[in-house]
Amino acid sequence: MVRRILTGAGDTWAVVGLSSNTARAAYGVARVLQRAGKRVVPVHPKAETVLGEQGYASLAEIPFEVGTVTPGAIRFRMGLPA
């Protein structure tokens, strides 16, 4: 199922709630996406740079097209450990 999600979706993913806090679900999701060759765009009110990618405070502020938007908590649906 994870492979189908990763191959069927776009190459640029906005991860809502992504921050530099490595203990949060969104961080784990972003790492998996990057390992799968996806570009990860952090979306968080603090708009921090995370995993080498510039963050944006909201989806509306992203100045380029994003193929997929996901909440960080999707990790459980992807079968990733807690």
PDB file of N, CA and C in Angstrom:
ATOM      1  N   MET A   1       0.818  -1.198   0.000  1.00  0.00           N
ATOM      2  CA  MET A   1       0.000   0.000   0.000  1.00  0.00           C
ATOM      3  C   MET A   1       0.869   1.272   0.000  1.00  0.00           C
ATOM      4  N   VAL A   2       1.933   1.256   0.801  1.00  0.00           N
ATOM      5  CA  VAL A   2       2.804   2.432   0.868  1.00  0.00           C
ATOM      6  C   VAL A   2       3.417   2.700  -0.498  1.00  0.00           C
ATOM      7  N   ARG A   3       3.886   1.657  -1.155  1.00  0.00           N
ATOM      8  CA  ARG A   3       4.486   1.825  -2.477  1.00  0.00           C
ATOM      9  C   ARG A   3       3.488   2.433  -3.450  1.00  0.00           C
ATOM     10  N   ARG A   4       2.239   1.996  -3.390  1.00  0.00           N
ATOM     11  CA  ARG A   4       1.202   2.522  -4.282  1.00  0.00           C
ATOM     12  C   ARG A   4       0.967   4.011  -4.019  1.00  0.00           C
ATOM     13  N   ILE A   5       0.954   4.384  -2.764  1.00  0.00           N
ATOM     14  CA  ILE A   5       0.761   5.794  -2.406  1.00  0.00           C
ATOM     15  C   ILE A   5       1.921   6.635  -2.932  1.00  0.00           C
ATOM     16  N   LEU A   6       3.133   6.157  -2.718  1.00  0.00           N
ATOM     17  CA  LEU A   6       4.314   6.927  -3.105  1.00  0.00           C
ATOM     18  C   LEU A   6       4.502   7.020  -4.611  1.00  0.00           C
ATOM     19  N   THR A   7       4.126   5.987  -5.337  1.00  0.00           N
ATOM     20  CA  THR A   7       4.306   6.027  -6.788  1.00  0.00           C
ATOM     21  C   THR A   7       3.137   6.680  -7.501  1.00  0.00           C
ATOM     22  N   GLY A   8       1.970   6.683  -6.881  1.00  0.00           N
ATOM     23  CA  GLY A   8       0.797   7.247  -7.529  1.00  0.00           C
ATOM     24  C   GLY A   8       0.597   8.727  -7.288  1.00  0.00           C
ATOM     25  N   ALA A   9       1.316   9.266  -6.334  1.00  0.00           N
ATOM     26  CA  ALA A   9       1.147  10.690  -5.993  1.00  0.00           C
ATOM     27  C   ALA A   9       2.252  11.509  -6.647  1.00  0.00           C
ATOM     28  N   GLY A  10       2.134  12.815  -6.554  1.00  0.00           N
ATOM     29  CA  GLY A  10       3.114  13.719  -7.150  1.00  0.00           C
ATOM     30  C   GLY A  10       4.470  13.654  -6.481  1.00  0.00           C
ATOM     31  N   ASP A  11       5.424  14.393  -7.036  1.00  0.00           N
ATOM     32  CA  ASP A  11       6.784  14.399  -6.503  1.00  0.00           C
ATOM     33  C   ASP A  11       7.005  15.451  -5.423  1.00  0.00           C
ATOM     34  N   THR A  12       6.081  16.389  -5.280  1.00  0.00           N
ATOM     35  CA  THR A  12       6.196  17.434  -4.259  1.00  0.00           C
ATOM     36  C   THR A  12       5.040  17.293  -3.286  1.00  0.00           C
ATOM     37  N   TRP A  13       5.379  17.088  -2.019  1.00  0.00           N
ATOM     38  CA  TRP A  13       4.385  16.876  -0.974  1.00  0.00           C
ATOM     39  C   TRP A  13       4.478  17.985   0.071  1.00  0.00           C
ATOM     40  N   ALA A  14       3.375  18.620   0.380  1.00  0.00           N
ATOM     41  CA  ALA A  14       3.298  19.550   1.504  1.00  0.00           C
ATOM     42  C   ALA A  14       2.891  18.736   2.730  1.00  0.00           C
ATOM     43  N   VAL A  15       3.696  18.815   3.783  1.00  0.00           N
ATOM     44  CA  VAL A  15       3.396  18.081   5.013  1.00  0.00           C
ATOM     45  C   VAL A  15       2.957  19.103   6.056  1.00  0.00           C
ATOM     46  N   VAL A  16       1.669  19.118   6.320  1.00  0.00           N
ATOM     47  CA  VAL A  16       1.079  20.065   7.266  1.00  0.00           C
ATOM     48  C   VAL A  16       1.457  19.658   8.687  1.00  0.00           C
ATOM     49  N   GLY A  17       1.984  20.627   9.432  1.00  0.00           N
ATOM     50  CA  GLY A  17       2.389  20.381  10.810  1.00  0.00           C
ATOM     51  C   GLY A  17       3.856  20.013  10.948  1.00  0.00           C
ATOM     52  N   LEU A  18       4.602  20.003   9.851  1.00  0.00           N
ATOM     53  CA  LEU A  18       6.008  19.617   9.894  1.00  0.00           C
ATOM     54  C   LEU A  18       6.855  20.701  10.556  1.00  0.00           C
ATOM     55  N   SER A  19       7.558  20.298  11.601  1.00  0.00           N
ATOM     56  CA  SER A  19       8.483  21.190  12.294  1.00  0.00           C
ATOM     57  C   SER A  19       9.799  20.448  12.493  1.00  0.00           C
ATOM     58  N   SER A  20      10.757  21.079  13.118  1.00  0.00           N
ATOM     59  CA  SER A  20      12.054  20.450  13.356  1.00  0.00           C
ATOM     60  C   SER A  20      12.035  19.498  14.557  1.00  0.00           C
ATOM     61  N   ASN A  21      10.894  19.309  15.174  1.00  0.00           N
ATOM     62  CA  ASN A  21      10.757  18.401  16.314  1.00  0.00           C
ATOM     63  C   ASN A  21      10.760  16.962  15.801  1.00  0.00           C
ATOM     64  N   THR A  22      11.870  16.264  15.995  1.00  0.00           N
ATOM     65  CA  THR A  22      12.032  14.910  15.459  1.00  0.00           C
ATOM     66  C   THR A  22      11.115  13.887  16.125  1.00  0.00           C
ATOM     67  N   ALA A  23      10.523  14.227  17.256  1.00  0.00           N
ATOM     68  CA  ALA A  23       9.626  13.297  17.951  1.00  0.00           C
ATOM     69  C   ALA A  23       8.200  13.343  17.398  1.00  0.00           C
ATOM     70  N   ARG A  24       7.904  14.309  16.557  1.00  0.00           N
ATOM     71  CA  ARG A  24       6.547  14.461  16.024  1.00  0.00           C
ATOM     72  C   ARG A  24       6.319  13.561  14.818  1.00  0.00           C
ATOM     73  N   ALA A  25       5.070  13.155  14.634  1.00  0.00           N
ATOM     74  CA  ALA A  25       4.701  12.274  13.521  1.00  0.00           C
ATOM     75  C   ALA A  25       5.063  12.878  12.173  1.00  0.00           C
ATOM     76  N   ALA A  26       4.831  14.162  12.007  1.00  0.00           N
ATOM     77  CA  ALA A  26       5.077  14.808  10.718  1.00  0.00           C
ATOM     78  C   ALA A  26       6.539  14.691  10.293  1.00  0.00           C
ATOM     79  N   TYR A  27       7.464  14.752  11.245  1.00  0.00           N
ATOM     80  CA  TYR A  27       8.889  14.649  10.921  1.00  0.00           C
ATOM     81  C   TYR A  27       9.204  13.264  10.344  1.00  0.00           C
ATOM     82  N   GLY A  28       8.655  12.233  10.972  1.00  0.00           N
ATOM     83  CA  GLY A  28       8.863  10.873  10.476  1.00  0.00           C
ATOM     84  C   GLY A  28       8.286  10.673   9.084  1.00  0.00           C
ATOM     85  N   VAL A  29       7.108  11.222   8.841  1.00  0.00           N
ATOM     86  CA  VAL A  29       6.492  11.140   7.522  1.00  0.00           C
ATOM     87  C   VAL A  29       7.379  11.823   6.485  1.00  0.00           C
ATOM     88  N   ALA A  30       7.874  13.004   6.810  1.00  0.00           N
ATOM     89  CA  ALA A  30       8.713  13.754   5.875  1.00  0.00           C
ATOM     90  C   ALA A  30       9.989  12.994   5.549  1.00  0.00           C
ATOM     91  N   ARG A  31      10.597  12.369   6.536  1.00  0.00           N
ATOM     92  CA  ARG A  31      11.822  11.589   6.287  1.00  0.00           C
ATOM     93  C   ARG A  31      11.552  10.432   5.334  1.00  0.00           C
ATOM     94  N   VAL A  32      10.450   9.736   5.540  1.00  0.00           N
ATOM     95  CA  VAL A  32      10.097   8.617   4.654  1.00  0.00           C
ATOM     96  C   VAL A  32       9.875   9.124   3.231  1.00  0.00           C
ATOM     97  N   LEU A  33       9.168  10.233   3.098  1.00  0.00           N
ATOM     98  CA  LEU A  33       8.917  10.797   1.771  1.00  0.00           C
ATOM     99  C   LEU A  33      10.221  11.188   1.080  1.00  0.00           C
ATOM    100  N   GLN A  34      11.131  11.838   1.808  1.00  0.00           N
ATOM    101  CA  GLN A  34      12.411  12.221   1.209  1.00  0.00           C
ATOM    102  C   GLN A  34      13.209  10.992   0.782  1.00  0.00           C
ATOM    103  N   ARG A  35      13.209   9.963   1.595  1.00  0.00           N
ATOM    104  CA  ARG A  35      13.919   8.727   1.240  1.00  0.00           C
ATOM    105  C   ARG A  35      13.331   8.090  -0.016  1.00  0.00           C
ATOM    106  N   ALA A  36      12.060   8.344  -0.265  1.00  0.00           N
ATOM    107  CA  ALA A  36      11.393   7.815  -1.454  1.00  0.00           C
ATOM    108  C   ALA A  36      11.590   8.746  -2.656  1.00  0.00           C
ATOM    109  N   GLY A  37      12.389   9.798  -2.477  1.00  0.00           N
ATOM    110  CA  GLY A  37      12.690  10.700  -3.587  1.00  0.00           C
ATOM    111  C   GLY A  37      11.712  11.844  -3.774  1.00  0.00           C
ATOM    112  N   LYS A  38      10.855  12.076  -2.791  1.00  0.00           N
ATOM    113  CA  LYS A  38       9.881  13.162  -2.889  1.00  0.00           C
ATOM    114  C   LYS A  38      10.457  14.457  -2.324  1.00  0.00           C
ATOM    115  N   ARG A  39      10.023  15.572  -2.867  1.00  0.00           N
ATOM    116  CA  ARG A  39      10.350  16.880  -2.289  1.00  0.00           C
ATOM    117  C   ARG A  39       9.312  17.154  -1.217  1.00  0.00           C
ATOM    118  N   VAL A  40       9.769  17.524  -0.048  1.00  0.00           N
ATOM    119  CA  VAL A  40       8.890  17.776   1.087  1.00  0.00           C
ATOM    120  C   VAL A  40       8.846  19.271   1.363  1.00  0.00           C
ATOM    121  N   VAL A  41       7.645  19.813   1.495  1.00  0.00           N
ATOM    122  CA  VAL A  41       7.465  21.235   1.798  1.00  0.00           C
ATOM    123  C   VAL A  41       6.834  21.343   3.184  1.00  0.00           C
ATOM    124  N   PRO A  42       7.578  21.845   4.173  1.00  0.00           N
ATOM    125  CA  PRO A  42       7.023  22.010   5.515  1.00  0.00           C
ATOM    126  C   PRO A  42       5.949  23.099   5.551  1.00  0.00           C
ATOM    127  N   VAL A  43       4.819  22.798   6.167  1.00  0.00           N
ATOM    128  CA  VAL A  43       3.757  23.787   6.373  1.00  0.00           C
ATOM    129  C   VAL A  43       3.490  23.842   7.870  1.00  0.00           C
ATOM    130  N   HIS A  44       3.854  24.963   8.460  1.00  0.00           N
ATOM    131  CA  HIS A  44       3.754  25.125   9.912  1.00  0.00           C
ATOM    132  C   HIS A  44       3.702  26.625  10.202  1.00  0.00           C
ATOM    133  N   PRO A  45       2.921  27.040  11.189  1.00  0.00           N
ATOM    134  CA  PRO A  45       2.828  28.482  11.482  1.00  0.00           C
ATOM    135  C   PRO A  45       4.173  29.170  11.710  1.00  0.00           C
ATOM    136  N   LYS A  46       5.165  28.439  12.222  1.00  0.00           N
ATOM    137  CA  LYS A  46       6.485  29.037  12.450  1.00  0.00           C
ATOM    138  C   LYS A  46       7.317  29.096  11.173  1.00  0.00           C
ATOM    139  N   ALA A  47       6.907  28.409  10.130  1.00  0.00           N
ATOM    140  CA  ALA A  47       7.563  28.428   8.817  1.00  0.00           C
ATOM    141  C   ALA A  47       9.067  28.191   8.905  1.00  0.00           C
ATOM    142  N   GLU A  48       9.472  27.151   9.625  1.00  0.00           N
ATOM    143  CA  GLU A  48      10.885  26.841   9.765  1.00  0.00           C
ATOM    144  C   GLU A  48      11.409  26.040   8.574  1.00  0.00           C
ATOM    145  N   THR A  49      12.711  26.070   8.397  1.00  0.00           N
ATOM    146  CA  THR A  49      13.350  25.189   7.428  1.00  0.00           C
ATOM    147  C   THR A  49      13.521  23.837   8.110  1.00  0.00           C
ATOM    148  N   VAL A  50      13.038  22.792   7.449  1.00  0.00           N
ATOM    149  CA  VAL A  50      13.095  21.445   8.016  1.00  0.00           C
ATOM    150  C   VAL A  50      13.623  20.493   6.952  1.00  0.00           C
ATOM    151  N   LEU A  51      14.547  19.643   7.348  1.00  0.00           N
ATOM    152  CA  LEU A  51      15.136  18.654   6.443  1.00  0.00           C
ATOM    153  C   LEU A  51      15.647  19.307   5.157  1.00  0.00           C
ATOM    154  N   GLY A  52      16.173  20.524   5.300  1.00  0.00           N
ATOM    155  CA  GLY A  52      16.751  21.230   4.165  1.00  0.00           C
ATOM    156  C   GLY A  52      15.758  21.927   3.258  1.00  0.00           C
ATOM    157  N   GLU A  53      14.491  21.918   3.610  1.00  0.00           N
ATOM    158  CA  GLU A  53      13.457  22.559   2.782  1.00  0.00           C
ATOM    159  C   GLU A  53      12.859  23.756   3.501  1.00  0.00           C
ATOM    160  N   GLN A  54      12.684  24.857   2.784  1.00  0.00           N
ATOM    161  CA  GLN A  54      12.083  26.062   3.350  1.00  0.00           C
ATOM    162  C   GLN A  54      10.636  25.781   3.746  1.00  0.00           C
ATOM    163  N   GLY A  55      10.254  26.258   4.913  1.00  0.00           N
ATOM    164  CA  GLY A  55       8.891  26.093   5.383  1.00  0.00           C
ATOM    165  C   GLY A  55       8.018  27.286   5.052  1.00  0.00           C
ATOM    166  N   TYR A  56       6.720  27.052   5.050  1.00  0.00           N
ATOM    167  CA  TYR A  56       5.725  28.097   4.788  1.00  0.00           C
ATOM    168  C   TYR A  56       4.679  28.034   5.888  1.00  0.00           C
ATOM    169  N   ALA A  57       4.165  29.201   6.267  1.00  0.00           N
ATOM    170  CA  ALA A  57       3.199  29.282   7.361  1.00  0.00           C
ATOM    171  C   ALA A  57       1.830  28.708   6.989  1.00  0.00           C
ATOM    172  N   SER A  58       1.514  28.683   5.701  1.00  0.00           N
ATOM    173  CA  SER A  58       0.221  28.134   5.267  1.00  0.00           C
ATOM    174  C   SER A  58       0.363  27.592   3.847  1.00  0.00           C
ATOM    175  N   LEU A  59      -0.584  26.780   3.434  1.00  0.00           N
ATOM    176  CA  LEU A  59      -0.581  26.254   2.066  1.00  0.00           C
ATOM    177  C   LEU A  59      -0.660  27.385   1.048  1.00  0.00           C
ATOM    178  N   ALA A  60      -1.408  28.425   1.377  1.00  0.00           N
ATOM    179  CA  ALA A  60      -1.587  29.551   0.458  1.00  0.00           C
ATOM    180  C   ALA A  60      -0.277  30.294   0.179  1.00  0.00           C
ATOM    181  N   GLU A  61       0.689  30.200   1.061  1.00  0.00           N
ATOM    182  CA  GLU A  61       1.957  30.911   0.896  1.00  0.00           C
ATOM    183  C   GLU A  61       2.963  30.169   0.020  1.00  0.00           C
ATOM    184  N   ILE A  62       2.720  28.918  -0.311  1.00  0.00           N
ATOM    185  CA  ILE A  62       3.661  28.155  -1.136  1.00  0.00           C
ATOM    186  C   ILE A  62       3.602  28.709  -2.556  1.00  0.00           C
ATOM    187  N   PRO A  63       4.727  29.210  -3.085  1.00  0.00           N
ATOM    188  CA  PRO A  63       4.714  29.897  -4.378  1.00  0.00           C
ATOM    189  C   PRO A  63       4.863  28.984  -5.601  1.00  0.00           C
ATOM    190  N   PHE A  64       4.685  27.698  -5.416  1.00  0.00           N
ATOM    191  CA  PHE A  64       4.802  26.751  -6.527  1.00  0.00           C
ATOM    192  C   PHE A  64       3.770  25.641  -6.330  1.00  0.00           C
ATOM    193  N   GLU A  65       3.600  24.861  -7.366  1.00  0.00           N
ATOM    194  CA  GLU A  65       2.587  23.793  -7.328  1.00  0.00           C
ATOM    195  C   GLU A  65       3.039  22.639  -6.439  1.00  0.00           C
ATOM    196  N   VAL A  66       2.112  22.161  -5.645  1.00  0.00           N
ATOM    197  CA  VAL A  66       2.338  21.008  -4.782  1.00  0.00           C
ATOM    198  C   VAL A  66       1.408  19.900  -5.249  1.00  0.00           C
ATOM    199  N   GLY A  67       1.960  18.719  -5.474  1.00  0.00           N
ATOM    200  CA  GLY A  67       1.155  17.617  -5.985  1.00  0.00           C
ATOM    201  C   GLY A  67       0.278  16.966  -4.939  1.00  0.00           C
ATOM    202  N   THR A  68       0.765  16.872  -3.690  1.00  0.00           N
ATOM    203  CA  THR A  68       0.039  16.165  -2.637  1.00  0.00           C
ATOM    204  C   THR A  68       0.171  16.934  -1.331  1.00  0.00           C
ATOM    205  N   VAL A  69      -0.931  17.014  -0.607  1.00  0.00           N
ATOM    206  CA  VAL A  69      -0.938  17.637   0.718  1.00  0.00           C
ATOM    207  C   VAL A  69      -1.319  16.561   1.715  1.00  0.00           C
ATOM    208  N   THR A  70      -0.547  16.447   2.787  1.00  0.00           N
ATOM    209  CA  THR A  70      -0.824  15.423   3.787  1.00  0.00           C
ATOM    210  C   THR A  70      -0.606  15.966   5.193  1.00  0.00           C
ATOM    211  N   PRO A  71      -1.461  15.548   6.118  1.00  0.00           N
ATOM    212  CA  PRO A  71      -1.173  15.874   7.521  1.00  0.00           C
ATOM    213  C   PRO A  71      -0.061  14.949   7.995  1.00  0.00           C
ATOM    214  N   GLY A  72       0.775  15.419   8.879  1.00  0.00           N
ATOM    215  CA  GLY A  72       1.862  14.603   9.389  1.00  0.00           C
ATOM    216  C   GLY A  72       1.400  13.312  10.037  1.00  0.00           C
ATOM    217  N   ALA A  73       0.211  13.290  10.594  1.00  0.00           N
ATOM    218  CA  ALA A  73      -0.285  12.110  11.300  1.00  0.00           C
ATOM    219  C   ALA A  73      -0.610  10.949  10.374  1.00  0.00           C
ATOM    220  N   ILE A  74      -0.444  11.105   9.080  1.00  0.00           N
ATOM    221  CA  ILE A  74      -0.729  10.010   8.147  1.00  0.00           C
ATOM    222  C   ILE A  74       0.217   8.829   8.354  1.00  0.00           C
ATOM    223  N   ARG A  75       1.227   9.009   9.133  1.00  0.00           N
ATOM    224  CA  ARG A  75       2.208   7.951   9.385  1.00  0.00           C
ATOM    225  C   ARG A  75       1.533   6.638   9.770  1.00  0.00           C
ATOM    226  N   PHE A  76       0.468   6.693  10.544  1.00  0.00           N
ATOM    227  CA  PHE A  76      -0.196   5.477  10.982  1.00  0.00           C
ATOM    228  C   PHE A  76      -0.861   4.764   9.816  1.00  0.00           C
ATOM    229  N   ARG A  77      -1.363   5.505   8.862  1.00  0.00           N
ATOM    230  CA  ARG A  77      -1.958   4.889   7.680  1.00  0.00           C
ATOM    231  C   ARG A  77      -0.898   4.298   6.761  1.00  0.00           C
ATOM    232  N   MET A  78       0.317   4.819   6.830  1.00  0.00           N
ATOM    233  CA  MET A  78       1.394   4.315   5.994  1.00  0.00           C
ATOM    234  C   MET A  78       2.059   3.099   6.614  1.00  0.00           C
ATOM    235  N   GLY A  79       1.632   2.705   7.807  1.00  0.00           N
ATOM    236  CA  GLY A  79       2.206   1.539   8.460  1.00  0.00           C
ATOM    237  C   GLY A  79       3.554   1.797   9.100  1.00  0.00           C
ATOM    238  N   LEU A  80       3.848   3.048   9.425  1.00  0.00           N
ATOM    239  CA  LEU A  80       5.115   3.382  10.053  1.00  0.00           C
ATOM    240  C   LEU A  80       4.987   3.227  11.552  1.00  0.00           C
ATOM    241  N   PRO A  81       6.073   2.884  12.234  1.00  0.00           N
ATOM    242  CA  PRO A  81       6.002   2.710  13.691  1.00  0.00           C
ATOM    243  C   PRO A  81       5.709   4.020  14.404  1.00  0.00           C
ATOM    244  N   ALA A  82       5.112   3.894  15.549  1.00  0.00           N
ATOM    245  CA  ALA A  82       4.772   5.078  16.365  1.00  0.00           C
ATOM    246  C   ALA A  82       5.989   5.694  16.980  1.00  0.00           C
TER     247      ALA A  82
END
